[in-house]
Amino acid sequence: MMRRYFILVFLLVFLVPASAQTFHTKLLQSIAERLNLTEQLCDTTLTQVTTSEGRMLNVRFDGGQVFHLGIPLFSNEMRTLMPSPIYDYLEQALLDRLYHASDNTLSLQKIKFYCGSWQSLETIRPTDICNISNLEGKQYVVSWIRDSEEITSLTIPVNYELLANSSRREMEESFARDLKTHRSSLTTHLPPPDEGQLVSYGKDSLLMLQGQSYLRPFITRNTYYKMQSVTEREDTIAYEETLPVLVADRRFPQETMANLLLTSNSDCQLELEMQRSDYRRETIRVSLKQWLSFCQKEGCTPYFAFEDVYGEQAAGMVIMHNAAKGYDHLLYLECPLSTLDSGHPLMAGKLYLYLPNNNISNLFAETPASRSLPKIFTKP
C-alpha cells in the first residue's frame, strides 16, 4: 500500500506539468494554439520562438505570462529608447494577417496604408529605418525607409482596446489580477529637490515644486514642501541641515494628499473598489507604492485634484493618464484627516479603469478653470 502511494506521488510530481502556460490575453492563447507554439512557450527565458515553417517570432514574458507574440518589425534598440504600444500591436497584427491566427479581422481593418501594403510590410526588417509619430493623440503614423526610399507607410487610430488586441472587460480582469501580484520597484525615501526649483506657495511659508497640469489648471503634478532641520550623517559624523521636506500635516489636507498620491514617499494602503464596465464590483487592497509602480509600468502618469473636506474626511481624485494608448484610469479617494500626520493613512476609493481620453476631456469640458474639482462625494 505504501509503495503504491509513493508511485502515485512520483507520477503527480514528475510526470504531470506543474502548471499550464498562461497568456495575458485570450487572443495570444489562440495564436499560440493555432501555431502549435504552446510547448516552446513553456520556456519563459526565450525571446524568440519558431513556427513550423521556420519563421522566427518575437516573444515576451512578464511574471511568467506570455505578453507578446509577433513577427519582428522593430529593432531592440528602438524598443528600448522609444517605448511605444505600436511595436507589439503591429508585430502581432502582421502575424495574425499572415497565419489567420485569430478571427479578429476588424482590428486589421483599422490599419490604413498610404504607401505599400500588407505585402510590403512582410518584407520589413528590424534593421530598416522606422519613424513613428503621434498626431494629436488621435492616430499614429508609422513609416519605414530602406536605401533612402519609403517602402511602407500606414496609420493606426489611438485606441486602447485596438492597441492591446483585447477588450475593455478582459483588460479590467488582467489589471485586477496583475496588480495584486505586482511587486513595486519604487523607492520609499526620495531625495529632496533642489531649493532653486521650489516656489513660494503662500500657506505658512510652504513651498511648491510645480509640475505639469492635465486638462484643467487644478489637475496637476504639483508637490509641496516645508523647510525643516534634518539630521544628516556622513561616515560617523552627524550634523544638522535645513532641507525641503514633503508636507504631511492634517492642517494642509490638499497638499498632503497630493504628496502621498504623486510620490512613492509613503507606505500607506489603498482600498480600491473597482467599478467594472459590466457593472460588477471588486474590492482589493494594495499598497500605494504597488499601485503607483503598476500604473507607471503600464505607461501612466499620475495627476491629482483636491475636492474638499467633509467632516473628518478629505476627498480628491487621481487621473492615471496614458497618452500613448489613449486611456485614463480615474480614482476617487477619501482619507481620514486624523491619519494624514502619520504619513501611513488608509485611503478608500472608487476606481474606474480604461476610460478613453476624450471621455475624461468631456467630463471636465464645461468646468470653469476657477473652480475646483466637481463635487463627487457630496451627499444629497
Protein backbone atom coordinates (compact mmCIF):
# COMPACT_ATOMS: atom_id res chain seq x y z
CA MET A 1 0.00 0.00 0.00
CA MET A 2 2.78 2.43 0.96
CA ARG A 3 4.68 1.53 -2.23
CA ARG A 4 1.63 2.34 -4.36
CA TYR A 5 1.30 5.68 -2.54
CA PHE A 6 4.89 6.68 -3.39
CA ILE A 7 4.43 5.66 -7.04
CA LEU A 8 1.34 7.88 -7.23
CA VAL A 9 3.22 10.84 -5.72
CA PHE A 10 6.08 10.30 -8.19
CA LEU A 11 3.68 10.37 -11.15
CA LEU A 12 1.97 13.52 -9.93
CA VAL A 13 5.17 15.42 -9.26
CA PHE A 14 7.44 14.35 -12.09
CA LEU A 15 5.23 13.28 -14.99
CA VAL A 16 2.49 15.91 -14.87
CA PRO A 17 3.40 19.54 -15.69
CA ALA A 18 3.22 21.76 -12.60
CA SER A 19 1.08 24.32 -14.39
CA ALA A 20 -0.02 25.18 -17.90
CA GLN A 21 1.40 28.23 -19.61
CA THR A 22 -0.69 31.35 -19.06
CA PHE A 23 -1.35 34.15 -21.53
CA HIS A 24 -2.06 37.81 -20.93
CA THR A 25 -4.97 37.77 -23.42
CA LYS A 26 -7.23 35.14 -24.94
CA LEU A 27 -6.02 36.22 -28.39
CA LEU A 28 -2.41 35.35 -27.51
CA GLN A 29 -3.53 31.94 -26.30
CA SER A 30 -5.49 31.38 -29.51
CA ILE A 31 -2.48 32.34 -31.64
CA ALA A 32 -0.16 30.03 -29.71
CA GLU A 33 -2.56 27.10 -30.02
CA ARG A 34 -3.21 27.59 -33.73
CA LEU A 35 0.51 27.81 -34.49
CA ASN A 36 1.39 24.90 -32.15
CA LEU A 37 3.71 27.06 -30.05
CA THR A 38 2.49 26.15 -26.57
CA GLU A 39 5.28 23.62 -25.94
CA GLN A 40 8.01 26.10 -26.89
CA LEU A 41 6.39 28.78 -24.73
CA CYS A 42 6.87 26.71 -21.59
CA ASP A 43 10.43 28.06 -21.59
CA THR A 44 9.96 31.59 -20.22
CA THR A 45 13.61 32.50 -20.87
CA LEU A 46 13.08 32.62 -24.64
CA THR A 47 12.96 35.87 -26.61
CA GLN A 48 12.06 34.17 -29.90
CA VAL A 49 10.19 31.03 -30.98
CA THR A 50 9.95 29.29 -34.36
CA THR A 51 6.85 28.35 -36.35
CA SER A 52 6.56 25.00 -38.13
CA GLU A 53 7.57 26.86 -41.33
CA GLY A 54 10.77 28.08 -39.74
CA ARG A 55 9.75 31.73 -39.27
CA MET A 56 11.16 33.40 -36.17
CA LEU A 57 8.69 35.20 -33.91
CA ASN A 58 9.34 37.65 -31.10
CA VAL A 59 8.06 36.56 -27.68
CA ARG A 60 8.00 38.42 -24.38
CA PHE A 61 7.12 37.12 -20.93
CA ASP A 62 6.16 39.07 -17.84
CA GLY A 63 5.57 37.41 -14.50
CA GLY A 64 5.51 34.02 -16.22
CA GLN A 65 2.74 35.09 -18.62
CA VAL A 66 3.09 35.36 -22.39
CA PHE A 67 2.66 39.08 -23.06
CA HIS A 68 3.58 39.24 -26.74
CA LEU A 69 3.92 37.14 -29.89
CA GLY A 70 4.68 38.73 -33.22
CA ILE A 71 6.72 38.94 -36.42
CA PRO A 72 9.83 41.12 -35.85
CA LEU A 73 9.42 44.60 -37.37
CA PHE A 74 11.39 46.79 -34.95
CA SER A 75 14.91 46.72 -33.54
CA ASN A 76 15.54 46.04 -29.86
CA GLU A 77 17.37 49.36 -29.65
CA MET A 78 14.32 51.25 -30.89
CA ARG A 79 12.05 49.43 -28.45
CA THR A 80 14.35 50.37 -25.58
CA LEU A 81 14.98 54.00 -26.48
CA MET A 82 11.49 54.88 -27.73
CA PRO A 83 8.83 52.82 -25.90
CA SER A 84 5.54 52.62 -27.79
CA PRO A 85 2.44 50.37 -27.87
CA ILE A 86 2.82 50.30 -31.67
CA TYR A 87 5.56 47.66 -31.59
CA ASP A 88 3.57 44.81 -30.08
CA TYR A 89 0.39 45.74 -31.88
CA LEU A 90 1.85 45.78 -35.42
CA GLU A 91 4.01 42.70 -34.94
CA GLN A 92 1.02 40.75 -33.68
CA ALA A 93 -1.26 42.20 -36.38
CA LEU A 94 1.11 41.04 -39.14
CA LEU A 95 1.32 37.58 -37.55
CA ASP A 96 -2.46 37.45 -37.44
CA ARG A 97 -2.74 38.56 -41.06
CA LEU A 98 -0.24 36.01 -42.41
CA TYR A 99 -1.37 32.99 -40.42
CA HIS A 100 -5.05 33.83 -39.82
CA ALA A 101 -4.17 33.16 -36.21
CA SER A 102 -7.43 34.62 -34.91
CA ASP A 103 -10.87 35.66 -36.07
CA ASN A 104 -10.17 39.29 -35.18
CA THR A 105 -10.45 40.78 -38.69
CA LEU A 106 -11.98 44.10 -37.54
CA SER A 107 -8.73 45.06 -35.82
CA LEU A 108 -6.74 44.60 -39.03
CA GLN A 109 -9.14 46.81 -40.98
CA LYS A 110 -8.20 49.76 -38.77
CA ILE A 111 -4.72 49.82 -40.33
CA LYS A 112 -4.67 52.15 -43.35
CA PHE A 113 -1.76 52.02 -45.82
CA TYR A 114 -0.63 55.21 -47.58
CA CYS A 115 2.47 53.66 -49.09
CA GLY A 116 2.89 49.96 -49.68
CA SER A 117 0.56 47.23 -48.41
CA TRP A 118 0.45 44.14 -46.21
CA GLN A 119 2.77 42.51 -48.76
CA SER A 120 5.41 45.22 -48.39
CA LEU A 121 5.03 45.08 -44.59
CA GLU A 122 6.05 41.41 -44.80
CA THR A 123 9.38 42.45 -46.26
CA ILE A 124 10.25 44.85 -43.41
CA ARG A 125 13.42 44.03 -41.49
CA PRO A 126 14.12 45.29 -37.95
CA THR A 127 17.24 46.98 -39.36
CA ASP A 128 15.17 49.24 -41.66
CA ILE A 129 14.84 52.87 -40.58
CA CYS A 130 11.49 53.40 -38.87
CA ASN A 131 9.73 56.62 -37.90
CA ILE A 132 6.70 56.79 -35.57
CA SER A 133 4.68 59.93 -34.78
CA ASN A 134 1.55 60.51 -32.73
CA LEU A 135 -0.79 63.06 -34.32
CA GLU A 136 -2.58 64.98 -31.55
CA GLY A 137 -3.37 61.80 -29.65
CA LYS A 138 -5.69 60.64 -32.44
CA GLN A 139 -3.59 58.43 -34.67
CA TYR A 140 -0.12 57.01 -35.14
CA VAL A 141 1.79 57.35 -38.40
CA VAL A 142 4.41 54.64 -38.95
CA SER A 143 6.81 54.55 -41.90
CA TRP A 144 9.86 52.50 -42.94
CA ILE A 145 12.73 53.64 -45.14
CA ARG A 146 15.31 51.48 -46.90
CA ASP A 147 18.08 52.84 -49.12
CA SER A 148 16.63 56.37 -48.76
CA GLU A 149 13.26 55.23 -50.15
CA GLU A 150 9.99 54.91 -48.26
CA ILE A 151 8.78 51.34 -48.62
CA THR A 152 5.76 51.28 -46.29
CA SER A 153 3.69 53.94 -44.52
CA LEU A 154 0.50 53.40 -42.51
CA THR A 155 -1.76 54.91 -39.87
CA ILE A 156 -3.35 53.38 -36.77
CA PRO A 157 -6.01 55.00 -34.54
CA VAL A 158 -5.04 55.72 -30.92
CA ASN A 159 -7.48 53.32 -29.28
CA TYR A 160 -6.53 51.36 -26.17
CA GLU A 161 -8.56 48.23 -26.99
CA LEU A 162 -7.16 48.12 -30.51
CA LEU A 163 -3.54 48.64 -29.42
CA ALA A 164 -3.87 46.00 -26.70
CA ASN A 165 -5.56 43.50 -29.04
CA SER A 166 -8.04 42.99 -26.24
CA SER A 167 -11.41 44.14 -24.89
CA ARG A 168 -12.00 46.52 -22.00
CA ARG A 169 -13.54 43.73 -19.90
CA GLU A 170 -10.57 41.45 -20.45
CA MET A 171 -8.19 44.32 -19.66
CA GLU A 172 -10.04 45.02 -16.41
CA GLU A 173 -9.71 41.36 -15.42
CA SER A 174 -5.99 41.40 -16.18
CA PHE A 175 -5.49 44.66 -14.30
CA ALA A 176 -7.07 43.33 -11.10
CA ARG A 177 -5.20 40.03 -11.30
CA ASP A 178 -1.79 41.50 -12.11
CA LEU A 179 -2.00 44.43 -9.66
CA LYS A 180 -2.48 42.03 -6.73
CA THR A 181 0.74 40.17 -7.50
CA HIS A 182 2.82 43.15 -8.68
CA ARG A 183 5.95 43.96 -6.73
CA SER A 184 6.82 47.64 -6.55
CA SER A 185 10.25 48.79 -7.64
CA LEU A 186 9.76 52.32 -6.27
CA THR A 187 11.98 53.81 -3.59
CA THR A 188 10.26 54.95 -0.39
CA HIS A 189 12.64 57.75 0.57
CA LEU A 190 13.03 60.28 -2.23
CA PRO A 191 15.91 62.75 -2.23
CA PRO A 192 14.84 66.37 -1.57
CA PRO A 193 14.53 68.64 -4.62
CA ASP A 194 16.92 71.49 -5.29
CA GLU A 195 15.72 74.61 -3.46
CA GLY A 196 16.08 76.58 -6.68
CA GLN A 197 13.24 74.51 -8.19
CA LEU A 198 10.77 75.47 -5.44
CA VAL A 199 8.46 78.49 -5.48
CA SER A 200 6.67 80.19 -2.60
CA TYR A 201 3.19 78.76 -2.13
CA GLY A 202 1.73 81.34 0.29
CA LYS A 203 0.49 78.99 3.01
CA ASP A 204 2.51 79.19 6.24
CA SER A 205 5.76 79.51 4.26
CA LEU A 206 5.11 76.34 2.28
CA LEU A 207 6.96 75.76 -0.98
CA MET A 208 5.75 74.11 -4.18
CA LEU A 209 7.50 72.06 -6.83
CA GLN A 210 5.36 72.90 -9.83
CA GLY A 211 4.50 70.04 -12.15
CA GLN A 212 2.52 69.73 -15.33
CA SER A 213 -1.26 70.02 -15.41
CA TYR A 214 -3.75 67.87 -17.33
CA LEU A 215 -6.99 69.19 -18.86
CA ARG A 216 -7.51 71.87 -16.19
CA PRO A 217 -5.20 74.04 -14.07
CA PHE A 218 -6.35 72.34 -10.86
CA ILE A 219 -5.44 68.81 -12.07
CA THR A 220 -1.67 68.81 -11.57
CA ARG A 221 1.52 67.04 -10.58
CA ASN A 222 2.40 69.73 -8.02
CA THR A 223 4.05 68.58 -4.79
CA TYR A 224 4.52 70.63 -1.60
CA TYR A 225 7.38 71.16 0.84
CA LYS A 226 8.41 72.95 4.00
CA MET A 227 11.92 73.79 5.17
CA GLN A 228 12.89 71.66 8.13
CA SER A 229 16.01 70.90 10.14
CA VAL A 230 17.16 67.37 9.36
CA THR A 231 19.93 65.29 10.90
CA GLU A 232 22.32 64.12 8.22
CA ARG A 233 25.19 61.66 8.61
CA GLU A 234 28.49 61.41 6.80
CA ASP A 235 30.54 58.44 7.94
CA THR A 236 30.40 58.70 11.75
CA ILE A 237 29.71 62.43 11.86
CA ALA A 238 26.14 63.72 12.43
CA TYR A 239 25.18 67.28 11.58
CA GLU A 240 22.03 69.40 11.22
CA GLU A 241 20.96 70.72 7.83
CA THR A 242 17.86 72.62 6.73
CA LEU A 243 16.26 70.85 3.78
CA PRO A 244 12.88 70.87 1.97
CA VAL A 245 10.67 68.08 3.36
CA LEU A 246 7.39 66.84 1.92
CA VAL A 247 4.36 68.24 3.77
CA ALA A 248 2.50 65.62 5.85
CA ASP A 249 0.07 67.58 8.02
CA ARG A 250 -3.70 67.39 8.54
CA ARG A 251 -3.79 71.20 8.56
CA PHE A 252 -2.90 71.01 4.86
CA PRO A 253 -5.04 68.15 3.50
CA GLN A 254 -4.79 69.21 -0.14
CA GLU A 255 -1.03 69.43 -0.10
CA THR A 256 -0.59 66.26 1.97
CA MET A 257 -2.86 64.17 -0.26
CA ALA A 258 -1.05 65.43 -3.35
CA ASN A 259 2.29 64.41 -1.87
CA LEU A 260 1.01 60.98 -0.89
CA LEU A 261 -0.58 60.20 -4.23
CA LEU A 262 2.06 61.60 -6.57
CA THR A 263 5.19 60.28 -4.86
CA SER A 264 6.29 56.93 -3.50
CA ASN A 265 7.35 58.51 -0.20
CA SER A 266 4.72 56.69 1.84
CA ASP A 267 3.82 53.17 2.94
CA CYS A 268 0.08 53.88 3.07
CA GLN A 269 -2.54 51.39 1.90
CA LEU A 270 -5.28 51.78 -0.70
CA GLU A 271 -8.66 50.04 -0.51
CA LEU A 272 -9.91 50.17 -4.10
CA GLU A 273 -13.47 49.38 -5.14
CA MET A 274 -13.20 48.63 -8.83
CA GLN A 275 -16.27 49.71 -10.82
CA ARG A 276 -16.20 47.48 -13.87
CA SER A 277 -17.74 48.13 -17.26
CA ASP A 278 -20.05 45.12 -16.82
CA TYR A 279 -21.32 46.68 -13.54
CA ARG A 280 -19.56 44.13 -11.35
CA ARG A 281 -17.60 45.41 -8.38
CA GLU A 282 -14.48 44.07 -6.74
CA THR A 283 -12.61 45.45 -3.74
CA ILE A 284 -8.87 44.93 -3.49
CA ARG A 285 -6.32 46.22 -1.01
CA VAL A 286 -2.81 47.12 -2.15
CA SER A 287 -0.04 49.45 -1.08
CA LEU A 288 0.21 52.90 -2.63
CA LYS A 289 3.68 52.09 -3.98
CA GLN A 290 2.27 48.94 -5.57
CA TRP A 291 -0.46 50.97 -7.29
CA LEU A 292 1.90 53.73 -8.48
CA SER A 293 4.52 51.29 -9.71
CA PHE A 294 2.00 49.14 -11.59
CA CYS A 295 0.42 52.12 -13.36
CA GLN A 296 3.83 53.53 -14.27
CA LYS A 297 4.70 50.13 -15.74
CA GLU A 298 1.60 50.50 -17.94
CA GLY A 299 2.94 53.87 -19.11
CA CYS A 300 0.64 56.07 -17.00
CA THR A 301 1.43 59.47 -15.46
CA PRO A 302 -0.48 60.44 -12.26
CA TYR A 303 -2.27 63.78 -11.80
CA PHE A 304 -4.08 64.90 -8.65
CA ALA A 305 -7.00 67.24 -7.95
CA PHE A 306 -8.32 68.07 -4.50
CA GLU A 307 -12.07 68.22 -3.93
CA ASP A 308 -12.84 69.30 -0.36
CA VAL A 309 -13.00 68.30 3.30
CA TYR A 310 -16.23 66.70 4.52
CA GLY A 311 -16.26 66.47 8.30
CA GLU A 312 -13.22 64.38 9.14
CA GLN A 313 -12.65 63.14 5.57
CA ALA A 314 -10.54 64.74 2.83
CA ALA A 315 -11.58 63.91 -0.73
CA GLY A 316 -9.76 64.10 -4.05
CA MET A 317 -9.09 62.44 -7.36
CA VAL A 318 -6.20 60.86 -9.23
CA ILE A 319 -6.13 60.52 -13.01
CA MET A 320 -3.63 57.98 -14.33
CA HIS A 321 -3.12 59.36 -17.83
CA ASN A 322 -1.82 57.18 -20.66
CA ALA A 323 -1.39 59.35 -23.75
CA ALA A 324 0.38 56.65 -25.79
CA LYS A 325 -2.51 54.17 -25.52
CA GLY A 326 -5.37 56.66 -25.34
CA TYR A 327 -6.90 55.89 -21.93
CA ASP A 328 -7.13 57.13 -18.35
CA HIS A 329 -7.73 55.39 -15.02
CA LEU A 330 -9.91 57.51 -12.73
CA LEU A 331 -9.66 57.10 -8.95
CA TYR A 332 -11.85 58.99 -6.44
CA LEU A 333 -10.43 58.88 -2.92
CA GLU A 334 -11.31 59.70 0.67
CA CYS A 335 -8.84 59.83 3.54
CA PRO A 336 -9.37 60.40 7.29
CA LEU A 337 -7.80 63.68 8.37
CA SER A 338 -6.63 62.02 11.57
CA THR A 339 -4.19 59.81 9.64
CA LEU A 340 -2.60 62.44 7.41
CA ASP A 341 0.01 63.39 10.01
CA SER A 342 1.30 59.82 10.21
CA GLY A 343 2.21 59.51 6.55
CA HIS A 344 0.69 55.99 6.58
CA PRO A 345 -3.05 56.52 6.13
CA LEU A 346 -5.55 54.06 4.70
CA MET A 347 -7.28 55.62 1.70
CA ALA A 348 -10.53 54.25 0.32
CA GLY A 349 -11.57 54.93 -3.24
CA LYS A 350 -13.61 54.05 -6.30
CA LEU A 351 -11.60 53.08 -9.36
CA TYR A 352 -12.74 53.29 -12.99
CA LEU A 353 -10.38 51.65 -15.48
CA TYR A 354 -9.62 52.22 -19.15
CA LEU A 355 -11.68 55.30 -19.87
CA PRO A 356 -10.95 56.82 -23.31
CA ASN A 357 -9.03 60.11 -23.07
CA ASN A 358 -11.81 62.01 -24.81
CA ASN A 359 -14.34 60.80 -22.20
CA ILE A 360 -12.23 62.36 -19.45
CA SER A 361 -11.83 65.53 -21.53
CA ASN A 362 -15.61 65.75 -21.87
CA LEU A 363 -16.05 65.22 -18.12
CA PHE A 364 -14.19 68.47 -17.44
CA ALA A 365 -15.10 70.30 -20.65
CA GLU A 366 -17.59 72.68 -19.03
CA THR A 367 -15.76 73.13 -15.74
CA PRO A 368 -14.51 76.72 -15.39
CA ALA A 369 -10.80 76.99 -14.64
CA SER A 370 -11.57 78.95 -11.49
CA ARG A 371 -13.50 76.07 -9.92
CA SER A 372 -12.10 73.15 -8.02
CA LEU A 373 -12.89 69.54 -8.82
CA PRO A 374 -16.61 68.86 -9.42
CA LYS A 375 -18.18 67.50 -6.24
CA ILE A 376 -18.09 63.73 -6.25
CA PHE A 377 -18.52 62.76 -2.63
CA THR A 378 -21.16 65.34 -1.66
CA LYS A 379 -24.20 63.63 -0.17
CA PRO A 380 -27.66 64.90 -1.21
